[in-house]
Amino acid sequence: MAKDPIKEFYEHHYAKLECMLRRIKLTEEAIEKFAKSKESILEIGCGTGENLSYYVNKFHFKNAYCVEIASSAEAEIRKKGITPLILSVSNNFIHLVVRGCIR
């Protein structure tokens, strides 16, 4: 039986979307439960800062910081009012970066 490329595309991409939405919901619950102050928030591995910007706006954090190893994302992060803390990974300082999502 021939593979359906449209079905495969949606199964592949919706699985990632479902994981991302679950992670955002869990993060929102953690912020509501544990953030006693809205002074500052830090995200590790923020990419271009989309999620962090969302949390800042939704929960009204005064200051936002992120650690991101992709220095190419710095300008986009700064446009969102986030202070990037650029992590130097020269000289084999970091051997492995992991990011996960539990289903």
PDB file of N, CA and C in Angstrom:
ATOM      1  N   MET A   1       0.843  -1.180   0.000  1.00  0.00           N
ATOM      2  CA  MET A   1       0.000   0.000   0.000  1.00  0.00           C
ATOM      3  C   MET A   1       0.890   1.247   0.000  1.00  0.00           C
ATOM      4  N   ALA A   2       0.527   2.208  -0.816  1.00  0.00           N
ATOM      5  CA  ALA A   2       1.312   3.435  -0.949  1.00  0.00           C
ATOM      6  C   ALA A   2       1.166   4.320   0.284  1.00  0.00           C
ATOM      7  N   LYS A   3       2.249   4.981   0.621  1.00  0.00           N
ATOM      8  CA  LYS A   3       2.217   5.920   1.745  1.00  0.00           C
ATOM      9  C   LYS A   3       1.499   7.191   1.320  1.00  0.00           C
ATOM     10  N   ASP A   4       0.752   7.756   2.244  1.00  0.00           N
ATOM     11  CA  ASP A   4       0.042   9.007   1.984  1.00  0.00           C
ATOM     12  C   ASP A   4       0.914  10.148   2.501  1.00  0.00           C
ATOM     13  N   PRO A   5       1.548  10.935   1.608  1.00  0.00           N
ATOM     14  CA  PRO A   5       2.466  11.987   2.059  1.00  0.00           C
ATOM     15  C   PRO A   5       1.779  13.072   2.883  1.00  0.00           C
ATOM     16  N   ILE A   6       0.525  13.361   2.594  1.00  0.00           N
ATOM     17  CA  ILE A   6      -0.191  14.380   3.373  1.00  0.00           C
ATOM     18  C   ILE A   6      -0.424  13.883   4.792  1.00  0.00           C
ATOM     19  N   LYS A   7      -0.864  12.643   4.920  1.00  0.00           N
ATOM     20  CA  LYS A   7      -1.086  12.058   6.249  1.00  0.00           C
ATOM     21  C   LYS A   7       0.222  12.028   7.040  1.00  0.00           C
ATOM     22  N   GLU A   8       1.298  11.593   6.402  1.00  0.00           N
ATOM     23  CA  GLU A   8       2.594  11.532   7.083  1.00  0.00           C
ATOM     24  C   GLU A   8       3.048  12.914   7.546  1.00  0.00           C
ATOM     25  N   PHE A   9       2.851  13.925   6.697  1.00  0.00           N
ATOM     26  CA  PHE A   9       3.240  15.286   7.054  1.00  0.00           C
ATOM     27  C   PHE A   9       2.511  15.737   8.315  1.00  0.00           C
ATOM     28  N   TYR A  10       1.196  15.591   8.341  1.00  0.00           N
ATOM     29  CA  TYR A  10       0.422  16.061   9.485  1.00  0.00           C
ATOM     30  C   TYR A  10       0.702  15.253  10.744  1.00  0.00           C
ATOM     31  N   GLU A  11       0.870  13.943  10.611  1.00  0.00           N
ATOM     32  CA  GLU A  11       1.200  13.134  11.785  1.00  0.00           C
ATOM     33  C   GLU A  11       2.536  13.572  12.374  1.00  0.00           C
ATOM     34  N   HIS A  12       3.495  13.839  11.523  1.00  0.00           N
ATOM     35  CA  HIS A  12       4.825  14.252  11.987  1.00  0.00           C
ATOM     36  C   HIS A  12       4.772  15.623  12.666  1.00  0.00           C
ATOM     37  N   HIS A  13       4.129  16.595  12.032  1.00  0.00           N
ATOM     38  CA  HIS A  13       4.117  17.960  12.558  1.00  0.00           C
ATOM     39  C   HIS A  13       3.149  18.143  13.724  1.00  0.00           C
ATOM     40  N   TYR A  14       2.018  17.470  13.710  1.00  0.00           N
ATOM     41  CA  TYR A  14       1.083  17.615  14.822  1.00  0.00           C
ATOM     42  C   TYR A  14       1.615  16.964  16.089  1.00  0.00           C
ATOM     43  N   ALA A  15       2.407  15.916  15.959  1.00  0.00           N
ATOM     44  CA  ALA A  15       3.014  15.309  17.147  1.00  0.00           C
ATOM     45  C   ALA A  15       3.916  16.321  17.842  1.00  0.00           C
ATOM     46  N   LYS A  16       4.684  17.085  17.070  1.00  0.00           N
ATOM     47  CA  LYS A  16       5.546  18.117  17.652  1.00  0.00           C
ATOM     48  C   LYS A  16       4.717  19.232  18.267  1.00  0.00           C
ATOM     49  N   LEU A  17       3.653  19.639  17.584  1.00  0.00           N
ATOM     50  CA  LEU A  17       2.793  20.706  18.088  1.00  0.00           C
ATOM     51  C   LEU A  17       2.140  20.303  19.401  1.00  0.00           C
ATOM     52  N   GLU A  18       1.664  19.066  19.474  1.00  0.00           N
ATOM     53  CA  GLU A  18       1.032  18.576  20.700  1.00  0.00           C
ATOM     54  C   GLU A  18       2.018  18.612  21.865  1.00  0.00           C
ATOM     55  N   CYS A  19       3.241  18.206  21.613  1.00  0.00           N
ATOM     56  CA  CYS A  19       4.282  18.226  22.643  1.00  0.00           C
ATOM     57  C   CYS A  19       4.552  19.654  23.096  1.00  0.00           C
ATOM     58  N   MET A  20       4.645  20.581  22.145  1.00  0.00           N
ATOM     59  CA  MET A  20       4.921  21.975  22.474  1.00  0.00           C
ATOM     60  C   MET A  20       3.780  22.578  23.289  1.00  0.00           C
ATOM     61  N   LEU A  21       2.552  22.311  22.894  1.00  0.00           N
ATOM     62  CA  LEU A  21       1.403  22.849  23.626  1.00  0.00           C
ATOM     63  C   LEU A  21       1.344  22.301  25.046  1.00  0.00           C
ATOM     64  N   ARG A  22       1.676  21.024  25.215  1.00  0.00           N
ATOM     65  CA  ARG A  22       1.693  20.422  26.551  1.00  0.00           C
ATOM     66  C   ARG A  22       2.769  21.086  27.413  1.00  0.00           C
ATOM     67  N   ARG A  23       3.933  21.352  26.806  1.00  0.00           N
ATOM     68  CA  ARG A  23       5.018  22.000  27.546  1.00  0.00           C
ATOM     69  C   ARG A  23       4.631  23.416  27.964  1.00  0.00           C
ATOM     70  N   ILE A  24       3.965  24.160  27.082  1.00  0.00           N
ATOM     71  CA  ILE A  24       3.532  25.517  27.417  1.00  0.00           C
ATOM     72  C   ILE A  24       2.526  25.482  28.557  1.00  0.00           C
ATOM     73  N   LYS A  25       1.585  24.556  28.510  1.00  0.00           N
ATOM     74  CA  LYS A  25       0.576  24.442  29.570  1.00  0.00           C
ATOM     75  C   LYS A  25       1.238  24.118  30.908  1.00  0.00           C
ATOM     76  N   LEU A  26       2.174  23.185  30.908  1.00  0.00           N
ATOM     77  CA  LEU A  26       2.878  22.829  32.148  1.00  0.00           C
ATOM     78  C   LEU A  26       3.681  24.012  32.681  1.00  0.00           C
ATOM     79  N   THR A  27       4.310  24.766  31.795  1.00  0.00           N
ATOM     80  CA  THR A  27       5.074  25.940  32.217  1.00  0.00           C
ATOM     81  C   THR A  27       4.157  26.987  32.817  1.00  0.00           C
ATOM     82  N   GLU A  28       3.010  27.220  32.196  1.00  0.00           N
ATOM     83  CA  GLU A  28       2.047  28.183  32.747  1.00  0.00           C
ATOM     84  C   GLU A  28       1.594  27.764  34.143  1.00  0.00           C
ATOM     85  N   GLU A  29       1.320  26.478  34.318  1.00  0.00           N
ATOM     86  CA  GLU A  29       0.908  25.977  35.633  1.00  0.00           C
ATOM     87  C   GLU A  29       2.015  26.177  36.659  1.00  0.00           C
ATOM     88  N   ALA A  30       3.259  25.933  36.263  1.00  0.00           N
ATOM     89  CA  ALA A  30       4.387  26.119  37.180  1.00  0.00           C
ATOM     90  C   ALA A  30       4.553  27.591  37.548  1.00  0.00           C
ATOM     91  N   ILE A  31       4.398  28.487  36.589  1.00  0.00           N
ATOM     92  CA  ILE A  31       4.504  29.924  36.869  1.00  0.00           C
ATOM     93  C   ILE A  31       3.428  30.336  37.860  1.00  0.00           C
ATOM     94  N   GLU A  32       2.198  29.903  37.609  1.00  0.00           N
ATOM     95  CA  GLU A  32       1.092  30.258  38.507  1.00  0.00           C
ATOM     96  C   GLU A  32       1.317  29.729  39.920  1.00  0.00           C
ATOM     97  N   LYS A  33       1.893  28.544  40.018  1.00  0.00           N
ATOM     98  CA  LYS A  33       2.071  27.908  41.325  1.00  0.00           C
ATOM     99  C   LYS A  33       3.311  28.404  42.075  1.00  0.00           C
ATOM    100  N   PHE A  34       4.409  28.619  41.366  1.00  0.00           N
ATOM    101  CA  PHE A  34       5.680  28.854  42.047  1.00  0.00           C
ATOM    102  C   PHE A  34       6.236  30.274  41.953  1.00  0.00           C
ATOM    103  N   ALA A  35       5.806  31.071  41.006  1.00  0.00           N
ATOM    104  CA  ALA A  35       6.371  32.416  40.847  1.00  0.00           C
ATOM    105  C   ALA A  35       5.742  33.364  41.860  1.00  0.00           C
ATOM    106  N   LYS A  36       6.410  33.511  42.987  1.00  0.00           N
ATOM    107  CA  LYS A  36       5.897  34.390  44.044  1.00  0.00           C
ATOM    108  C   LYS A  36       6.087  35.861  43.678  1.00  0.00           C
ATOM    109  N   SER A  37       7.072  36.128  42.843  1.00  0.00           N
ATOM    110  CA  SER A  37       7.349  37.492  42.398  1.00  0.00           C
ATOM    111  C   SER A  37       7.330  37.513  40.873  1.00  0.00           C
ATOM    112  N   LYS A  38       6.922  38.612  40.324  1.00  0.00           N
ATOM    113  CA  LYS A  38       6.948  38.773  38.866  1.00  0.00           C
ATOM    114  C   LYS A  38       8.084  39.720  38.472  1.00  0.00           C
ATOM    115  N   GLU A  39       9.121  39.745  39.302  1.00  0.00           N
ATOM    116  CA  GLU A  39      10.270  40.618  39.050  1.00  0.00           C
ATOM    117  C   GLU A  39      11.055  40.164  37.818  1.00  0.00           C
ATOM    118  N   SER A  40      11.349  38.853  37.723  1.00  0.00           N
ATOM    119  CA  SER A  40      12.155  38.394  36.594  1.00  0.00           C
ATOM    120  C   SER A  40      11.861  36.937  36.269  1.00  0.00           C
ATOM    121  N   ILE A  41      12.187  36.576  35.026  1.00  0.00           N
ATOM    122  CA  ILE A  41      12.019  35.206  34.545  1.00  0.00           C
ATOM    123  C   ILE A  41      13.230  34.870  33.677  1.00  0.00           C
ATOM    124  N   LEU A  42      13.676  33.611  33.728  1.00  0.00           N
ATOM    125  CA  LEU A  42      14.816  33.134  32.951  1.00  0.00           C
ATOM    126  C   LEU A  42      14.399  31.882  32.201  1.00  0.00           C
ATOM    127  N   GLU A  43      14.689  31.840  30.903  1.00  0.00           N
ATOM    128  CA  GLU A  43      14.452  30.630  30.119  1.00  0.00           C
ATOM    129  C   GLU A  43      15.782  30.133  29.587  1.00  0.00           C
ATOM    130  N   ILE A  44      16.002  28.840  29.714  1.00  0.00           N
ATOM    131  CA  ILE A  44      17.209  28.208  29.190  1.00  0.00           C
ATOM    132  C   ILE A  44      16.871  27.651  27.808  1.00  0.00           C
ATOM    133  N   GLY A  45      17.641  28.043  26.814  1.00  0.00           N
ATOM    134  CA  GLY A  45      17.389  27.579  25.453  1.00  0.00           C
ATOM    135  C   GLY A  45      16.155  28.226  24.860  1.00  0.00           C
ATOM    136  N   CYS A  46      16.187  29.532  24.726  1.00  0.00           N
ATOM    137  CA  CYS A  46      14.981  30.273  24.332  1.00  0.00           C
ATOM    138  C   CYS A  46      14.818  30.443  22.832  1.00  0.00           C
ATOM    139  N   GLY A  47      15.772  30.007  22.032  1.00  0.00           N
ATOM    140  CA  GLY A  47      15.653  30.223  20.587  1.00  0.00           C
ATOM    141  C   GLY A  47      15.593  31.713  20.296  1.00  0.00           C
ATOM    142  N   THR A  48      14.535  32.153  19.612  1.00  0.00           N
ATOM    143  CA  THR A  48      14.375  33.580  19.321  1.00  0.00           C
ATOM    144  C   THR A  48      13.524  34.288  20.364  1.00  0.00           C
ATOM    145  N   GLY A  49      13.142  33.589  21.421  1.00  0.00           N
ATOM    146  CA  GLY A  49      12.427  34.224  22.530  1.00  0.00           C
ATOM    147  C   GLY A  49      10.918  34.256  22.419  1.00  0.00           C
ATOM    148  N   GLU A  50      10.340  33.511  21.486  1.00  0.00           N
ATOM    149  CA  GLU A  50       8.883  33.532  21.301  1.00  0.00           C
ATOM    150  C   GLU A  50       8.136  33.105  22.561  1.00  0.00           C
ATOM    151  N   ASN A  51       8.493  31.955  23.123  1.00  0.00           N
ATOM    152  CA  ASN A  51       7.791  31.475  24.321  1.00  0.00           C
ATOM    153  C   ASN A  51       8.013  32.414  25.496  1.00  0.00           C
ATOM    154  N   LEU A  52       9.235  32.849  25.687  1.00  0.00           N
ATOM    155  CA  LEU A  52       9.542  33.732  26.810  1.00  0.00           C
ATOM    156  C   LEU A  52       8.776  35.042  26.689  1.00  0.00           C
ATOM    157  N   SER A  53       8.705  35.583  25.504  1.00  0.00           N
ATOM    158  CA  SER A  53       7.944  36.807  25.277  1.00  0.00           C
ATOM    159  C   SER A  53       6.467  36.593  25.620  1.00  0.00           C
ATOM    160  N   TYR A  54       5.947  35.440  25.269  1.00  0.00           N
ATOM    161  CA  TYR A  54       4.560  35.085  25.592  1.00  0.00           C
ATOM    162  C   TYR A  54       4.348  35.074  27.109  1.00  0.00           C
ATOM    163  N   TYR A  55       5.255  34.428  27.848  1.00  0.00           N
ATOM    164  CA  TYR A  55       5.116  34.356  29.314  1.00  0.00           C
ATOM    165  C   TYR A  55       5.236  35.737  29.954  1.00  0.00           C
ATOM    166  N   VAL A  56       6.141  36.556  29.450  1.00  0.00           N
ATOM    167  CA  VAL A  56       6.315  37.915  29.982  1.00  0.00           C
ATOM    168  C   VAL A  56       5.021  38.704  29.825  1.00  0.00           C
ATOM    169  N   ASN A  57       4.428  38.631  28.656  1.00  0.00           N
ATOM    170  CA  ASN A  57       3.189  39.374  28.407  1.00  0.00           C
ATOM    171  C   ASN A  57       2.001  38.813  29.180  1.00  0.00           C
ATOM    172  N   LYS A  58       1.902  37.505  29.253  1.00  0.00           N
ATOM    173  CA  LYS A  58       0.757  36.895  29.941  1.00  0.00           C
ATOM    174  C   LYS A  58       0.817  37.103  31.446  1.00  0.00           C
ATOM    175  N   PHE A  59       2.020  36.976  32.027  1.00  0.00           N
ATOM    176  CA  PHE A  59       2.158  37.022  33.483  1.00  0.00           C
ATOM    177  C   PHE A  59       2.762  38.332  33.989  1.00  0.00           C
ATOM    178  N   HIS A  60       3.077  39.254  33.101  1.00  0.00           N
ATOM    179  CA  HIS A  60       3.546  40.603  33.452  1.00  0.00           C
ATOM    180  C   HIS A  60       4.857  40.611  34.240  1.00  0.00           C
ATOM    181  N   PHE A  61       5.832  39.819  33.776  1.00  0.00           N
ATOM    182  CA  PHE A  61       7.159  39.868  34.384  1.00  0.00           C
ATOM    183  C   PHE A  61       7.821  41.188  34.017  1.00  0.00           C
ATOM    184  N   LYS A  62       8.549  41.774  34.962  1.00  0.00           N
ATOM    185  CA  LYS A  62       9.225  43.053  34.716  1.00  0.00           C
ATOM    186  C   LYS A  62      10.484  42.877  33.870  1.00  0.00           C
ATOM    187  N   ASN A  63      11.239  41.815  34.119  1.00  0.00           N
ATOM    188  CA  ASN A  63      12.511  41.583  33.429  1.00  0.00           C
ATOM    189  C   ASN A  63      12.549  40.160  32.895  1.00  0.00           C
ATOM    190  N   ALA A  64      13.082  40.005  31.692  1.00  0.00           N
ATOM    191  CA  ALA A  64      13.190  38.683  31.079  1.00  0.00           C
ATOM    192  C   ALA A  64      14.626  38.434  30.647  1.00  0.00           C
ATOM    193  N   TYR A  65      15.113  37.244  30.959  1.00  0.00           N
ATOM    194  CA  TYR A  65      16.470  36.840  30.607  1.00  0.00           C
ATOM    195  C   TYR A  65      16.403  35.459  29.971  1.00  0.00           C
ATOM    196  N   CYS A  66      17.385  35.175  29.131  1.00  0.00           N
ATOM    197  CA  CYS A  66      17.463  33.837  28.558  1.00  0.00           C
ATOM    198  C   CYS A  66      18.918  33.457  28.335  1.00  0.00           C
ATOM    199  N   VAL A  67      19.144  32.159  28.320  1.00  0.00           N
ATOM    200  CA  VAL A  67      20.443  31.615  27.947  1.00  0.00           C
ATOM    201  C   VAL A  67      20.235  30.932  26.605  1.00  0.00           C
ATOM    202  N   GLU A  68      21.021  31.328  25.635  1.00  0.00           N
ATOM    203  CA  GLU A  68      20.899  30.759  24.287  1.00  0.00           C
ATOM    204  C   GLU A  68      22.298  30.613  23.705  1.00  0.00           C
ATOM    205  N   ILE A  69      22.603  29.429  23.177  1.00  0.00           N
ATOM    206  CA  ILE A  69      23.939  29.213  22.618  1.00  0.00           C
ATOM    207  C   ILE A  69      24.040  29.695  21.173  1.00  0.00           C
ATOM    208  N   ALA A  70      22.912  29.900  20.499  1.00  0.00           N
ATOM    209  CA  ALA A  70      22.935  30.378  19.112  1.00  0.00           C
ATOM    210  C   ALA A  70      23.037  31.896  19.108  1.00  0.00           C
ATOM    211  N   SER A  71      24.244  32.396  18.941  1.00  0.00           N
ATOM    212  CA  SER A  71      24.439  33.848  18.959  1.00  0.00           C
ATOM    213  C   SER A  71      23.702  34.529  17.810  1.00  0.00           C
ATOM    214  N   SER A  72      23.353  33.775  16.773  1.00  0.00           N
ATOM    215  CA  SER A  72      22.606  34.346  15.647  1.00  0.00           C
ATOM    216  C   SER A  72      21.196  34.780  16.056  1.00  0.00           C
ATOM    217  N   ALA A  73      20.699  34.303  17.174  1.00  0.00           N
ATOM    218  CA  ALA A  73      19.351  34.663  17.647  1.00  0.00           C
ATOM    219  C   ALA A  73      19.356  35.925  18.506  1.00  0.00           C
ATOM    220  N   GLU A  74      20.526  36.437  18.843  1.00  0.00           N
ATOM    221  CA  GLU A  74      20.630  37.548  19.798  1.00  0.00           C
ATOM    222  C   GLU A  74      19.830  38.779  19.384  1.00  0.00           C
ATOM    223  N   ALA A  75      19.919  39.201  18.140  1.00  0.00           N
ATOM    224  CA  ALA A  75      19.207  40.411  17.698  1.00  0.00           C
ATOM    225  C   ALA A  75      17.699  40.247  17.836  1.00  0.00           C
ATOM    226  N   GLU A  76      17.191  39.087  17.450  1.00  0.00           N
ATOM    227  CA  GLU A  76      15.746  38.834  17.548  1.00  0.00           C
ATOM    228  C   GLU A  76      15.297  38.789  19.006  1.00  0.00           C
ATOM    229  N   ILE A  77      16.114  38.221  19.863  1.00  0.00           N
ATOM    230  CA  ILE A  77      15.809  38.165  21.297  1.00  0.00           C
ATOM    231  C   ILE A  77      15.721  39.581  21.862  1.00  0.00           C
ATOM    232  N   ARG A  78      16.690  40.400  21.529  1.00  0.00           N
ATOM    233  CA  ARG A  78      16.715  41.781  22.039  1.00  0.00           C
ATOM    234  C   ARG A  78      15.521  42.601  21.549  1.00  0.00           C
ATOM    235  N   LYS A  79      15.060  42.363  20.316  1.00  0.00           N
ATOM    236  CA  LYS A  79      13.886  43.071  19.789  1.00  0.00           C
ATOM    237  C   LYS A  79      12.655  42.843  20.663  1.00  0.00           C
ATOM    238  N   LYS A  80      12.607  41.706  21.328  1.00  0.00           N
ATOM    239  CA  LYS A  80      11.464  41.360  22.172  1.00  0.00           C
ATOM    240  C   LYS A  80      11.619  41.886  23.598  1.00  0.00           C
ATOM    241  N   GLY A  81      12.687  42.646  23.854  1.00  0.00           N
ATOM    242  CA  GLY A  81      12.900  43.200  25.187  1.00  0.00           C
ATOM    243  C   GLY A  81      13.479  42.215  26.176  1.00  0.00           C
ATOM    244  N   ILE A  82      14.068  41.150  25.670  1.00  0.00           N
ATOM    245  CA  ILE A  82      14.660  40.107  26.505  1.00  0.00           C
ATOM    246  C   ILE A  82      16.169  40.310  26.526  1.00  0.00           C
ATOM    247  N   THR A  83      16.776  40.133  27.694  1.00  0.00           N
ATOM    248  CA  THR A  83      18.225  40.245  27.826  1.00  0.00           C
ATOM    249  C   THR A  83      18.844  38.866  27.637  1.00  0.00           C
ATOM    250  N   PRO A  84      19.566  38.648  26.524  1.00  0.00           N
ATOM    251  CA  PRO A  84      20.182  37.342  26.318  1.00  0.00           C
ATOM    252  C   PRO A  84      21.484  37.212  27.104  1.00  0.00           C
ATOM    253  N   LEU A  85      21.664  36.082  27.710  1.00  0.00           N
ATOM    254  CA  LEU A  85      22.912  35.746  28.388  1.00  0.00           C
ATOM    255  C   LEU A  85      23.593  34.723  27.486  1.00  0.00           C
ATOM    256  N   ILE A  86      24.490  35.178  26.644  1.00  0.00           N
ATOM    257  CA  ILE A  86      25.101  34.320  25.632  1.00  0.00           C
ATOM    258  C   ILE A  86      26.106  33.389  26.299  1.00  0.00           C
ATOM    259  N   LEU A  87      25.918  32.104  26.082  1.00  0.00           N
ATOM    260  CA  LEU A  87      26.779  31.076  26.658  1.00  0.00           C
ATOM    261  C   LEU A  87      27.870  30.730  25.655  1.00  0.00           C
ATOM    262  N   SER A  88      29.098  30.891  26.054  1.00  0.00           N
ATOM    263  CA  SER A  88      30.213  30.546  25.186  1.00  0.00           C
ATOM    264  C   SER A  88      30.419  29.037  25.205  1.00  0.00           C
ATOM    265  N   VAL A  89      30.446  28.449  24.039  1.00  0.00           N
ATOM    266  CA  VAL A  89      30.660  27.005  23.966  1.00  0.00           C
ATOM    267  C   VAL A  89      31.964  26.679  23.235  1.00  0.00           C
ATOM    268  N   SER A  90      32.897  27.602  23.303  1.00  0.00           N
ATOM    269  CA  SER A  90      34.180  27.371  22.645  1.00  0.00           C
ATOM    270  C   SER A  90      35.034  26.409  23.462  1.00  0.00           C
ATOM    271  N   ASN A  91      36.028  25.863  22.828  1.00  0.00           N
ATOM    272  CA  ASN A  91      36.996  24.961  23.470  1.00  0.00           C
ATOM    273  C   ASN A  91      36.340  23.746  24.107  1.00  0.00           C
ATOM    274  N   ASN A  92      35.289  23.230  23.470  1.00  0.00           N
ATOM    275  CA  ASN A  92      34.615  22.021  23.955  1.00  0.00           C
ATOM    276  C   ASN A  92      34.132  22.132  25.389  1.00  0.00           C
ATOM    277  N   PHE A  93      33.727  23.326  25.798  1.00  0.00           N
ATOM    278  CA  PHE A  93      33.216  23.545  27.156  1.00  0.00           C
ATOM    279  C   PHE A  93      31.929  22.762  27.388  1.00  0.00           C
ATOM    280  N   ILE A  94      31.050  22.738  26.391  1.00  0.00           N
ATOM    281  CA  ILE A  94      29.799  21.988  26.466  1.00  0.00           C
ATOM    282  C   ILE A  94      29.925  20.804  25.516  1.00  0.00           C
ATOM    283  N   HIS A  95      29.682  19.603  26.008  1.00  0.00           N
ATOM    284  CA  HIS A  95      29.822  18.412  25.182  1.00  0.00           C
ATOM    285  C   HIS A  95      28.494  17.905  24.633  1.00  0.00           C
ATOM    286  N   LEU A  96      27.402  18.258  25.299  1.00  0.00           N
ATOM    287  CA  LEU A  96      26.101  17.781  24.847  1.00  0.00           C
ATOM    288  C   LEU A  96      25.021  18.731  25.333  1.00  0.00           C
ATOM    289  N   VAL A  97      24.104  19.075  24.446  1.00  0.00           N
ATOM    290  CA  VAL A  97      22.946  19.889  24.805  1.00  0.00           C
ATOM    291  C   VAL A  97      21.718  19.037  24.541  1.00  0.00           C
ATOM    292  N   VAL A  98      20.856  18.893  25.540  1.00  0.00           N
ATOM    293  CA  VAL A  98      19.649  18.086  25.363  1.00  0.00           C
ATOM    294  C   VAL A  98      18.418  18.916  25.653  1.00  0.00           C
ATOM    295  N   ARG A  99      17.363  18.538  25.016  1.00  0.00           N
ATOM    296  CA  ARG A  99      16.069  19.172  25.250  1.00  0.00           C
ATOM    297  C   ARG A  99      15.038  18.087  25.036  1.00  0.00           C
ATOM    298  N   GLY A 100      14.096  17.998  25.927  1.00  0.00           N
ATOM    299  CA  GLY A 100      13.160  16.903  25.795  1.00  0.00           C
ATOM    300  C   GLY A 100      11.730  17.289  26.044  1.00  0.00           C
ATOM    301  N   CYS A 101      10.873  16.388  25.665  1.00  0.00           N
ATOM    302  CA  CYS A 101       9.442  16.539  25.886  1.00  0.00           C
ATOM    303  C   CYS A 101       8.902  15.158  26.219  1.00  0.00           C
ATOM    304  N   ILE A 102       8.287  15.035  27.353  1.00  0.00           N
ATOM    305  CA  ILE A 102       7.726  13.751  27.758  1.00  0.00           C
ATOM    306  C   ILE A 102       6.310  13.649  27.222  1.00  0.00           C
ATOM    307  N   ARG A 103       6.019  12.580  26.584  1.00  0.00           N
ATOM    308  CA  ARG A 103       4.662  12.368  26.039  1.00  0.00           C
ATOM    309  C   ARG A 103       3.774  11.768  27.074  1.00  0.00           C
TER     310      ARG A 103
END
